[in-house]
Amino acid sequence: MIVEDEPASARFIHIAAESLGYDVIGICVDGMSALEIAEAHPLHIAVLDINLSGQMDGIQLAIKIRRLHQAALIFITGYSDPEVVQEALNLLPLAYLIKPVKLDDLKTALMLANQYLNQQQKSDKEAVWIDLPFSHRYNRVTRLLYHRTLPVELTPLERKLLSVLID
């Protein structure tokens, strides 16, 4: 998905993505329309302008997308303000590109995103730790549930149920 409110930039990103064989599920000019698409479709890579028109900026949108999907994030912006950069970096994007974006930089970011997704799929199958909602993690080896870093006391029946649901 591409979220960019400048038509020429959106077209440039779209052409670059398709030239690498990616299917673009939507091109949106604001966060609300992008969120509608993210809620309705599987999303693997999101290329987001940070400064969007409308009620939601690209960082706010990225937070909402991350609640729905484990999508790879690529931020594109005309701003290099340290506070904005740090806010974006807190979301662990695979790239933070400054406009005007060079074609090689964008293609590299998309290839990194693809590699990340391939690795993520592989590691999901082999994962010892599984991240769960509300800051919980489950260890498949020890069959213990943790809230942040603290183990959660479970009854034997709860432990068995959790194991069945996760494995």
Foldseek 3Di string as FASTA:
>chain_A
DEEDQPVVQLVLLVVLCVVVPDDDQDYHQDLVVVLVSLVVDAAAEYEAEQDGPDDHGRLRSLVSSVVRYVHAYEYEYQDDPPVVVVSNCVSVHLYYHHPPGDSVVSNVSVVSSVVVVVVVVVCVVVPQWDDDPQQWIAGLVVLFIARPNHTDDDDPVRSVVVNVVPD
